[in-house]
């Protein structure tokens, strides 16, 4: 097992990390890698979604390759003192890109890998590699990504609204409204109809090893999404206990693919 630690910052030395992320963003296909609403709890304010994507790609690699030599050969490549994995992102010329590391031991440091850089498939440092690793996926079955409209949506809105974390994600102007549960229940009924009209309204996300679905809730204006409900399949129904902000939802959804559904793909 090459990846002995699942936290990329504990596994290797990431020199000039934020600068390299910024340079990398400038070389790949353009998309939104920043939050719509500024956050004070993150160090990276320029492209935190890109950073989250790279970090969680590494975590996914760790779990997929752990105790599985076939997956290790498929998703990681080592040659001499070099190691790389596929980022799953493409340059503006549609070249695949890779996270490249070099073996380097330093006295007093348990990390033995150093970050060489984000490189494209034509980079000279990859020229002698016998093959280039495949992109690791975040889901097992394509069916997990699609909302099945034949299933019931069972949501206990009173339980959700009793949770302080969920409440904090609701727009401040209606957070303390006496009719908040009525607004929430009305938004649930509306989103059910939207999904019946177009199942693609439900967007898949990856979170802590599981694929879930994101449903947009409009509490104030039918055309404006205020909150995102997370639901998971349980037997032949969907259940949900957590709500997210749009930024949180986009962050998690981006691990699977660039969101194209209009309500989430805002710039």
C-alpha atoms as a PDB file:
ATOM      1  CA  UNK A   1       0.000   0.000   0.000  1.00  0.00           C
ATOM      2  CA  UNK A   2       1.675   3.205  -1.203  1.00  0.00           C
ATOM      3  CA  UNK A   3      -0.851   5.634   0.256  1.00  0.00           C
ATOM      4  CA  UNK A   4      -0.390   5.051   3.968  1.00  0.00           C
ATOM      5  CA  UNK A   5      -2.219   8.213   5.084  1.00  0.00           C
ATOM      6  CA  UNK A   6      -5.491   9.575   3.713  1.00  0.00           C
ATOM      7  CA  UNK A   7      -4.822  13.259   4.411  1.00  0.00           C
ATOM      8  CA  UNK A   8      -2.829  14.643   1.509  1.00  0.00           C
ATOM      9  CA  UNK A   9      -1.149  17.266   3.708  1.00  0.00           C
ATOM     10  CA  UNK A  10       0.076  14.565   6.083  1.00  0.00           C
ATOM     11  CA  UNK A  11       1.164  12.315   3.229  1.00  0.00           C
ATOM     12  CA  UNK A  12       3.399  14.725   1.314  1.00  0.00           C
ATOM     13  CA  UNK A  13       5.051  18.118   1.502  1.00  0.00           C
ATOM     14  CA  UNK A  14       2.994  20.583  -0.535  1.00  0.00           C
ATOM     15  CA  UNK A  15       5.321  23.466  -1.304  1.00  0.00           C
ATOM     16  CA  UNK A  16       3.681  26.808  -2.241  1.00  0.00           C
ATOM     17  CA  UNK A  17       0.335  25.025  -2.189  1.00  0.00           C
ATOM     18  CA  UNK A  18      -2.016  27.983  -2.684  1.00  0.00           C
ATOM     19  CA  UNK A  19       0.158  29.498  -5.438  1.00  0.00           C
ATOM     20  CA  UNK A  20       0.319  26.172  -7.269  1.00  0.00           C
ATOM     21  CA  UNK A  21      -3.443  25.754  -6.981  1.00  0.00           C
ATOM     22  CA  UNK A  22      -3.907  29.206  -8.487  1.00  0.00           C
ATOM     23  CA  UNK A  23      -1.520  28.414 -11.351  1.00  0.00           C
ATOM     24  CA  UNK A  24      -3.270  25.083 -11.910  1.00  0.00           C
ATOM     25  CA  UNK A  25      -6.675  26.764 -12.068  1.00  0.00           C
ATOM     26  CA  UNK A  26      -5.369  29.046 -14.819  1.00  0.00           C
ATOM     27  CA  UNK A  27      -4.408  26.036 -16.974  1.00  0.00           C
ATOM     28  CA  UNK A  28      -7.563  23.902 -16.683  1.00  0.00           C
ATOM     29  CA  UNK A  29     -10.984  24.304 -18.268  1.00  0.00           C
ATOM     30  CA  UNK A  30     -12.726  27.325 -16.715  1.00  0.00           C
ATOM     31  CA  UNK A  31     -15.378  26.731 -14.089  1.00  0.00           C
ATOM     32  CA  UNK A  32     -16.409  28.115 -10.719  1.00  0.00           C
ATOM     33  CA  UNK A  33     -13.966  27.097  -8.003  1.00  0.00           C
ATOM     34  CA  UNK A  34     -14.871  29.796  -5.455  1.00  0.00           C
ATOM     35  CA  UNK A  35     -17.838  30.232  -3.123  1.00  0.00           C
ATOM     36  CA  UNK A  36     -20.700  32.563  -3.987  1.00  0.00           C
ATOM     37  CA  UNK A  37     -20.836  33.733  -0.384  1.00  0.00           C
ATOM     38  CA  UNK A  38     -17.468  34.659   1.208  1.00  0.00           C
ATOM     39  CA  UNK A  39     -16.491  32.464   4.167  1.00  0.00           C
ATOM     40  CA  UNK A  40     -14.211  33.351   7.041  1.00  0.00           C
ATOM     41  CA  UNK A  41     -13.600  29.768   8.141  1.00  0.00           C
ATOM     42  CA  UNK A  42     -11.419  28.834   5.154  1.00  0.00           C
ATOM     43  CA  UNK A  43      -7.801  29.817   4.540  1.00  0.00           C
ATOM     44  CA  UNK A  44      -8.139  29.508   0.782  1.00  0.00           C
ATOM     45  CA  UNK A  45     -10.454  32.270  -0.445  1.00  0.00           C
ATOM     46  CA  UNK A  46      -9.605  32.083  -4.165  1.00  0.00           C
ATOM     47  CA  UNK A  47     -10.408  28.496  -5.154  1.00  0.00           C
ATOM     48  CA  UNK A  48     -11.546  26.537  -2.073  1.00  0.00           C
ATOM     49  CA  UNK A  49     -13.751  24.232  -4.167  1.00  0.00           C
ATOM     50  CA  UNK A  50     -10.763  23.204  -6.277  1.00  0.00           C
ATOM     51  CA  UNK A  51      -8.719  22.553  -3.138  1.00  0.00           C
ATOM     52  CA  UNK A  52     -11.551  20.475  -1.673  1.00  0.00           C
ATOM     53  CA  UNK A  53     -11.772  18.516  -4.925  1.00  0.00           C
ATOM     54  CA  UNK A  54      -8.061  17.612  -4.889  1.00  0.00           C
ATOM     55  CA  UNK A  55      -8.066  16.725  -1.185  1.00  0.00           C
ATOM     56  CA  UNK A  56     -11.102  14.461  -1.501  1.00  0.00           C
ATOM     57  CA  UNK A  57      -9.817  12.846  -4.685  1.00  0.00           C
ATOM     58  CA  UNK A  58      -6.793  11.798  -2.644  1.00  0.00           C
ATOM     59  CA  UNK A  59      -9.000  10.505   0.199  1.00  0.00           C
ATOM     60  CA  UNK A  60     -11.052   8.522  -2.314  1.00  0.00           C
ATOM     61  CA  UNK A  61      -7.839   7.091  -3.782  1.00  0.00           C
ATOM     62  CA  UNK A  62      -6.720   6.008  -0.350  1.00  0.00           C
ATOM     63  CA  UNK A  63      -9.918   4.095   0.377  1.00  0.00           C
ATOM     64  CA  UNK A  64     -10.229   2.561  -3.104  1.00  0.00           C
ATOM     65  CA  UNK A  65      -6.605   1.402  -3.164  1.00  0.00           C
ATOM     66  CA  UNK A  66      -6.326   0.298   0.440  1.00  0.00           C
ATOM     67  CA  UNK A  67      -5.695  -3.472   0.521  1.00  0.00           C
ATOM     68  CA  UNK A  68      -6.499  -3.691  -3.211  1.00  0.00           C
ATOM     69  CA  UNK A  69      -3.454  -4.144  -5.430  1.00  0.00           C
ATOM     70  CA  UNK A  70      -5.480  -4.146  -8.652  1.00  0.00           C
ATOM     71  CA  UNK A  71      -6.943  -0.733  -7.874  1.00  0.00           C
ATOM     72  CA  UNK A  72      -3.541   0.520  -6.777  1.00  0.00           C
ATOM     73  CA  UNK A  73      -2.079  -0.353 -10.178  1.00  0.00           C
ATOM     74  CA  UNK A  74      -5.080   1.196 -11.948  1.00  0.00           C
ATOM     75  CA  UNK A  75      -5.247   4.516 -10.117  1.00  0.00           C
ATOM     76  CA  UNK A  76      -1.638   5.129  -9.051  1.00  0.00           C
ATOM     77  CA  UNK A  77       1.597   4.929 -10.976  1.00  0.00           C
ATOM     78  CA  UNK A  78       5.109   4.743  -9.578  1.00  0.00           C
ATOM     79  CA  UNK A  79       8.353   4.723 -11.503  1.00  0.00           C
ATOM     80  CA  UNK A  80      11.733   5.006  -9.858  1.00  0.00           C
ATOM     81  CA  UNK A  81      11.244   7.871  -7.380  1.00  0.00           C
ATOM     82  CA  UNK A  82       8.054   9.320  -8.894  1.00  0.00           C
ATOM     83  CA  UNK A  83       4.375   8.818  -8.030  1.00  0.00           C
ATOM     84  CA  UNK A  84       1.317  10.260  -9.744  1.00  0.00           C
ATOM     85  CA  UNK A  85      -2.446  10.076  -9.851  1.00  0.00           C
ATOM     86  CA  UNK A  86      -5.069  11.404 -12.255  1.00  0.00           C
ATOM     87  CA  UNK A  87      -6.837  14.571 -11.073  1.00  0.00           C
ATOM     88  CA  UNK A  88      -9.798  13.988 -13.378  1.00  0.00           C
ATOM     89  CA  UNK A  89      -9.458  17.565 -14.667  1.00  0.00           C
ATOM     90  CA  UNK A  90      -8.491  18.694 -18.169  1.00  0.00           C
ATOM     91  CA  UNK A  91      -6.400  21.547 -19.537  1.00  0.00           C
ATOM     92  CA  UNK A  92      -7.919  24.076 -21.912  1.00  0.00           C
ATOM     93  CA  UNK A  93      -6.476  21.905 -24.704  1.00  0.00           C
ATOM     94  CA  UNK A  94      -8.248  18.848 -23.202  1.00  0.00           C
ATOM     95  CA  UNK A  95      -5.129  17.170 -21.909  1.00  0.00           C
ATOM     96  CA  UNK A  96      -5.510  15.075 -18.774  1.00  0.00           C
ATOM     97  CA  UNK A  97      -3.768  16.417 -15.701  1.00  0.00           C
ATOM     98  CA  UNK A  98      -1.898  14.591 -12.949  1.00  0.00           C
ATOM     99  CA  UNK A  99      -0.742  15.196  -9.401  1.00  0.00           C
ATOM    100  CA  UNK A 100       2.976  14.382  -9.433  1.00  0.00           C
ATOM    101  CA  UNK A 101       5.115  13.572  -6.393  1.00  0.00           C
ATOM    102  CA  UNK A 102       8.789  12.805  -5.952  1.00  0.00           C
ATOM    103  CA  UNK A 103      10.318  10.575  -3.285  1.00  0.00           C
ATOM    104  CA  UNK A 104      12.485  12.588  -0.941  1.00  0.00           C
ATOM    105  CA  UNK A 105      13.434  11.736   2.620  1.00  0.00           C
ATOM    106  CA  UNK A 106      14.321  14.511   5.024  1.00  0.00           C
ATOM    107  CA  UNK A 107      15.784  14.064   8.477  1.00  0.00           C
ATOM    108  CA  UNK A 108      13.189  14.482  11.207  1.00  0.00           C
ATOM    109  CA  UNK A 109      10.248  14.396   8.768  1.00  0.00           C
ATOM    110  CA  UNK A 110       8.009  11.345   8.441  1.00  0.00           C
ATOM    111  CA  UNK A 111       6.817  12.460   5.021  1.00  0.00           C
ATOM    112  CA  UNK A 112       8.802  10.866   2.223  1.00  0.00           C
ATOM    113  CA  UNK A 113       7.002  12.405  -0.744  1.00  0.00           C
ATOM    114  CA  UNK A 114       7.240  15.961  -2.048  1.00  0.00           C
ATOM    115  CA  UNK A 115       4.736  17.607  -4.370  1.00  0.00           C
ATOM    116  CA  UNK A 116       6.347  18.189  -7.769  1.00  0.00           C
ATOM    117  CA  UNK A 117       3.340  19.903  -9.318  1.00  0.00           C
ATOM    118  CA  UNK A 118       0.178  19.584 -11.350  1.00  0.00           C
ATOM    119  CA  UNK A 119       1.304  18.343 -14.769  1.00  0.00           C
ATOM    120  CA  UNK A 120      -0.411  17.630 -18.073  1.00  0.00           C
ATOM    121  CA  UNK A 121      -0.132  14.286 -19.802  1.00  0.00           C
ATOM    122  CA  UNK A 122       2.407  15.587 -22.329  1.00  0.00           C
ATOM    123  CA  UNK A 123       4.777  16.789 -19.585  1.00  0.00           C
ATOM    124  CA  UNK A 124       8.334  15.522 -20.057  1.00  0.00           C
ATOM    125  CA  UNK A 125       8.387  14.128 -16.515  1.00  0.00           C
ATOM    126  CA  UNK A 126       5.730  11.586 -17.509  1.00  0.00           C
ATOM    127  CA  UNK A 127       7.384  10.620 -20.796  1.00  0.00           C
ATOM    128  CA  UNK A 128       9.014   7.446 -19.442  1.00  0.00           C
ATOM    129  CA  UNK A 129       5.901   6.188 -17.656  1.00  0.00           C
ATOM    130  CA  UNK A 130       4.628   2.916 -19.139  1.00  0.00           C
ATOM    131  CA  UNK A 131       1.044   4.097 -18.700  1.00  0.00           C
ATOM    132  CA  UNK A 132      -0.868   6.886 -17.013  1.00  0.00           C
ATOM    133  CA  UNK A 133      -3.300   6.108 -14.188  1.00  0.00           C
ATOM    134  CA  UNK A 134      -7.047   6.306 -14.637  1.00  0.00           C
ATOM    135  CA  UNK A 135      -9.297   8.759 -12.818  1.00  0.00           C
ATOM    136  CA  UNK A 136     -10.771   7.379  -9.607  1.00  0.00           C
ATOM    137  CA  UNK A 137     -14.577   7.474  -9.485  1.00  0.00           C
ATOM    138  CA  UNK A 138     -16.817   8.607  -6.652  1.00  0.00           C
ATOM    139  CA  UNK A 139     -19.703   6.227  -7.305  1.00  0.00           C
ATOM    140  CA  UNK A 140     -20.262   2.529  -7.933  1.00  0.00           C
ATOM    141  CA  UNK A 141     -23.503   2.436  -9.937  1.00  0.00           C
ATOM    142  CA  UNK A 142     -24.903   4.990 -12.375  1.00  0.00           C
ATOM    143  CA  UNK A 143     -28.344   4.386 -10.859  1.00  0.00           C
ATOM    144  CA  UNK A 144     -27.122   6.010  -7.639  1.00  0.00           C
ATOM    145  CA  UNK A 145     -26.894   9.334  -9.485  1.00  0.00           C
ATOM    146  CA  UNK A 146     -30.486   9.386 -10.677  1.00  0.00           C
ATOM    147  CA  UNK A 147     -33.577  10.208  -8.639  1.00  0.00           C
ATOM    148  CA  UNK A 148     -36.182   7.455  -8.980  1.00  0.00           C
ATOM    149  CA  UNK A 149     -39.539   9.232  -9.157  1.00  0.00           C
ATOM    150  CA  UNK A 150     -41.378   6.000  -8.298  1.00  0.00           C
ATOM    151  CA  UNK A 151     -40.027   6.233  -4.733  1.00  0.00           C
ATOM    152  CA  UNK A 152     -41.664   8.207  -1.929  1.00  0.00           C
ATOM    153  CA  UNK A 153     -39.974  11.268  -0.470  1.00  0.00           C
ATOM    154  CA  UNK A 154     -40.343  10.981   3.314  1.00  0.00           C
ATOM    155  CA  UNK A 155     -39.182  14.071   5.149  1.00  0.00           C
ATOM    156  CA  UNK A 156     -39.838  15.040   8.749  1.00  0.00           C
ATOM    157  CA  UNK A 157     -39.693  18.808   8.372  1.00  0.00           C
ATOM    158  CA  UNK A 158     -40.294  19.477  12.078  1.00  0.00           C
ATOM    159  CA  UNK A 159     -37.220  17.371  12.943  1.00  0.00           C
ATOM    160  CA  UNK A 160     -35.063  19.114  10.327  1.00  0.00           C
ATOM    161  CA  UNK A 161     -36.075  22.590  11.485  1.00  0.00           C
ATOM    162  CA  UNK A 162     -35.372  21.702  15.108  1.00  0.00           C
ATOM    163  CA  UNK A 163     -31.682  21.294  14.239  1.00  0.00           C
ATOM    164  CA  UNK A 164     -29.604  24.440  14.800  1.00  0.00           C
ATOM    165  CA  UNK A 165     -27.192  23.702  11.927  1.00  0.00           C
ATOM    166  CA  UNK A 166     -30.070  23.435   9.467  1.00  0.00           C
ATOM    167  CA  UNK A 167     -31.650  26.625  10.787  1.00  0.00           C
ATOM    168  CA  UNK A 168     -28.432  28.597  10.337  1.00  0.00           C
ATOM    169  CA  UNK A 169     -28.451  27.767   6.637  1.00  0.00           C
ATOM    170  CA  UNK A 170     -31.908  29.248   6.100  1.00  0.00           C
ATOM    171  CA  UNK A 171     -31.994  32.900   4.957  1.00  0.00           C
ATOM    172  CA  UNK A 172     -31.852  35.128   8.030  1.00  0.00           C
ATOM    173  CA  UNK A 173     -34.982  37.091   7.103  1.00  0.00           C
ATOM    174  CA  UNK A 174     -37.241  34.043   7.498  1.00  0.00           C
ATOM    175  CA  UNK A 175     -35.236  31.986   9.988  1.00  0.00           C
ATOM    176  CA  UNK A 176     -37.458  33.008  12.895  1.00  0.00           C
ATOM    177  CA  UNK A 177     -40.717  33.191  10.928  1.00  0.00           C
ATOM    178  CA  UNK A 178     -43.701  31.655  12.708  1.00  0.00           C
ATOM    179  CA  UNK A 179     -44.802  29.988   9.484  1.00  0.00           C
ATOM    180  CA  UNK A 180     -41.352  28.587   8.650  1.00  0.00           C
ATOM    181  CA  UNK A 181     -42.528  24.984   8.720  1.00  0.00           C
ATOM    182  CA  UNK A 182     -45.409  25.854   6.390  1.00  0.00           C
ATOM    183  CA  UNK A 183     -42.935  27.494   4.001  1.00  0.00           C
ATOM    184  CA  UNK A 184     -40.652  24.460   4.243  1.00  0.00           C
ATOM    185  CA  UNK A 185     -43.476  21.974   3.622  1.00  0.00           C
ATOM    186  CA  UNK A 186     -44.684  24.038   0.677  1.00  0.00           C
ATOM    187  CA  UNK A 187     -41.168  24.023  -0.795  1.00  0.00           C
ATOM    188  CA  UNK A 188     -41.066  20.224  -0.418  1.00  0.00           C
ATOM    189  CA  UNK A 189     -44.313  19.817  -2.345  1.00  0.00           C
ATOM    190  CA  UNK A 190     -43.024  22.110  -5.052  1.00  0.00           C
ATOM    191  CA  UNK A 191     -39.723  20.273  -5.469  1.00  0.00           C
ATOM    192  CA  UNK A 192     -41.565  16.943  -5.749  1.00  0.00           C
ATOM    193  CA  UNK A 193     -43.431  18.318  -8.755  1.00  0.00           C
ATOM    194  CA  UNK A 194     -40.244  19.732 -10.264  1.00  0.00           C
ATOM    195  CA  UNK A 195     -38.569  16.334 -10.020  1.00  0.00           C
ATOM    196  CA  UNK A 196     -41.591  14.591 -11.552  1.00  0.00           C
ATOM    197  CA  UNK A 197     -41.334  17.017 -14.459  1.00  0.00           C
ATOM    198  CA  UNK A 198     -37.553  16.551 -14.747  1.00  0.00           C
ATOM    199  CA  UNK A 199     -35.609  14.030 -12.658  1.00  0.00           C
ATOM    200  CA  UNK A 200     -32.395  15.953 -13.392  1.00  0.00           C
ATOM    201  CA  UNK A 201     -33.499  18.607 -10.903  1.00  0.00           C
ATOM    202  CA  UNK A 202     -32.043  16.260  -8.252  1.00  0.00           C
ATOM    203  CA  UNK A 203     -28.234  16.557  -8.331  1.00  0.00           C
ATOM    204  CA  UNK A 204     -25.934  13.841  -6.929  1.00  0.00           C
ATOM    205  CA  UNK A 205     -23.320  14.662  -4.326  1.00  0.00           C
ATOM    206  CA  UNK A 206     -20.542  12.675  -2.659  1.00  0.00           C
ATOM    207  CA  UNK A 207     -20.151  12.989   1.086  1.00  0.00           C
ATOM    208  CA  UNK A 208     -18.209  10.814   3.523  1.00  0.00           C
ATOM    209  CA  UNK A 209     -18.146   7.777   1.265  1.00  0.00           C
ATOM    210  CA  UNK A 210     -21.776   7.937   0.145  1.00  0.00           C
ATOM    211  CA  UNK A 211     -23.671   9.216  -2.883  1.00  0.00           C
ATOM    212  CA  UNK A 212     -26.711  11.292  -1.953  1.00  0.00           C
ATOM    213  CA  UNK A 213     -29.084  13.540  -3.872  1.00  0.00           C
ATOM    214  CA  UNK A 214     -29.550  17.292  -3.550  1.00  0.00           C
ATOM    215  CA  UNK A 215     -33.007  18.855  -3.851  1.00  0.00           C
ATOM    216  CA  UNK A 216     -33.484  22.631  -4.278  1.00  0.00           C
ATOM    217  CA  UNK A 217     -35.939  24.291  -1.879  1.00  0.00           C
ATOM    218  CA  UNK A 218     -37.495  27.681  -2.637  1.00  0.00           C
ATOM    219  CA  UNK A 219     -38.900  29.108   0.586  1.00  0.00           C
ATOM    220  CA  UNK A 220     -39.599  32.692  -0.464  1.00  0.00           C
ATOM    221  CA  UNK A 221     -39.720  32.893  -4.257  1.00  0.00           C
ATOM    222  CA  UNK A 222     -40.509  29.880  -6.502  1.00  0.00           C
ATOM    223  CA  UNK A 223     -37.727  30.979  -8.846  1.00  0.00           C
ATOM    224  CA  UNK A 224     -35.009  31.384  -6.190  1.00  0.00           C
ATOM    225  CA  UNK A 225     -33.339  28.490  -4.371  1.00  0.00           C
ATOM    226  CA  UNK A 226     -32.826  29.289  -0.683  1.00  0.00           C
ATOM    227  CA  UNK A 227     -31.764  25.940   0.720  1.00  0.00           C
ATOM    228  CA  UNK A 228     -30.696  22.491  -0.444  1.00  0.00           C
ATOM    229  CA  UNK A 229     -32.128  19.315   1.069  1.00  0.00           C
ATOM    230  CA  UNK A 230     -29.893  16.233   1.173  1.00  0.00           C
ATOM    231  CA  UNK A 231     -31.724  12.927   0.700  1.00  0.00           C
ATOM    232  CA  UNK A 232     -30.512   9.343   0.668  1.00  0.00           C
ATOM    233  CA  UNK A 233     -32.209   6.242  -0.649  1.00  0.00           C
ATOM    234  CA  UNK A 234     -33.506   3.847   1.986  1.00  0.00           C
ATOM    235  CA  UNK A 235     -35.098   0.738   0.482  1.00  0.00           C
ATOM    236  CA  UNK A 236     -37.813   2.139  -1.798  1.00  0.00           C
ATOM    237  CA  UNK A 237     -37.998   5.688  -0.495  1.00  0.00           C
ATOM    238  CA  UNK A 238     -35.841   8.758   0.054  1.00  0.00           C
ATOM    239  CA  UNK A 239     -35.198  10.223   3.504  1.00  0.00           C
ATOM    240  CA  UNK A 240     -33.444  13.409   4.531  1.00  0.00           C
ATOM    241  CA  UNK A 241     -32.261  15.024   7.751  1.00  0.00           C
ATOM    242  CA  UNK A 242     -29.786  17.659   6.563  1.00  0.00           C
ATOM    243  CA  UNK A 243     -29.933  20.909   4.616  1.00  0.00           C
ATOM    244  CA  UNK A 244     -27.031  22.731   2.976  1.00  0.00           C
ATOM    245  CA  UNK A 245     -26.294  26.150   1.569  1.00  0.00           C
ATOM    246  CA  UNK A 246     -25.809  26.425  -2.188  1.00  0.00           C
ATOM    247  CA  UNK A 247     -22.032  26.702  -1.738  1.00  0.00           C
ATOM    248  CA  UNK A 248     -21.896  23.581   0.426  1.00  0.00           C
ATOM    249  CA  UNK A 249     -24.019  21.687  -2.095  1.00  0.00           C
ATOM    250  CA  UNK A 250     -21.859  22.749  -5.038  1.00  0.00           C
ATOM    251  CA  UNK A 251     -18.699  21.820  -3.132  1.00  0.00           C
ATOM    252  CA  UNK A 252     -19.926  18.247  -2.581  1.00  0.00           C
ATOM    253  CA  UNK A 253     -21.537  17.825  -6.001  1.00  0.00           C
ATOM    254  CA  UNK A 254     -18.350  18.880  -7.800  1.00  0.00           C
ATOM    255  CA  UNK A 255     -16.561  15.756  -6.604  1.00  0.00           C
ATOM    256  CA  UNK A 256     -18.729  13.661  -8.934  1.00  0.00           C
ATOM    257  CA  UNK A 257     -18.878  16.052 -11.892  1.00  0.00           C
ATOM    258  CA  UNK A 258     -19.154  19.713 -12.785  1.00  0.00           C
ATOM    259  CA  UNK A 259     -22.785  20.613 -11.956  1.00  0.00           C
ATOM    260  CA  UNK A 260     -24.724  21.560 -15.078  1.00  0.00           C
ATOM    261  CA  UNK A 261     -28.226  21.744 -13.592  1.00  0.00           C
ATOM    262  CA  UNK A 262     -29.222  25.444 -13.743  1.00  0.00           C
ATOM    263  CA  UNK A 263     -30.255  25.895 -10.092  1.00  0.00           C
ATOM    264  CA  UNK A 264     -26.824  24.759  -8.850  1.00  0.00           C
ATOM    265  CA  UNK A 265     -24.597  25.782 -11.754  1.00  0.00           C
ATOM    266  CA  UNK A 266     -24.740  29.490 -10.949  1.00  0.00           C
ATOM    267  CA  UNK A 267     -21.644  31.615 -11.481  1.00  0.00           C
END
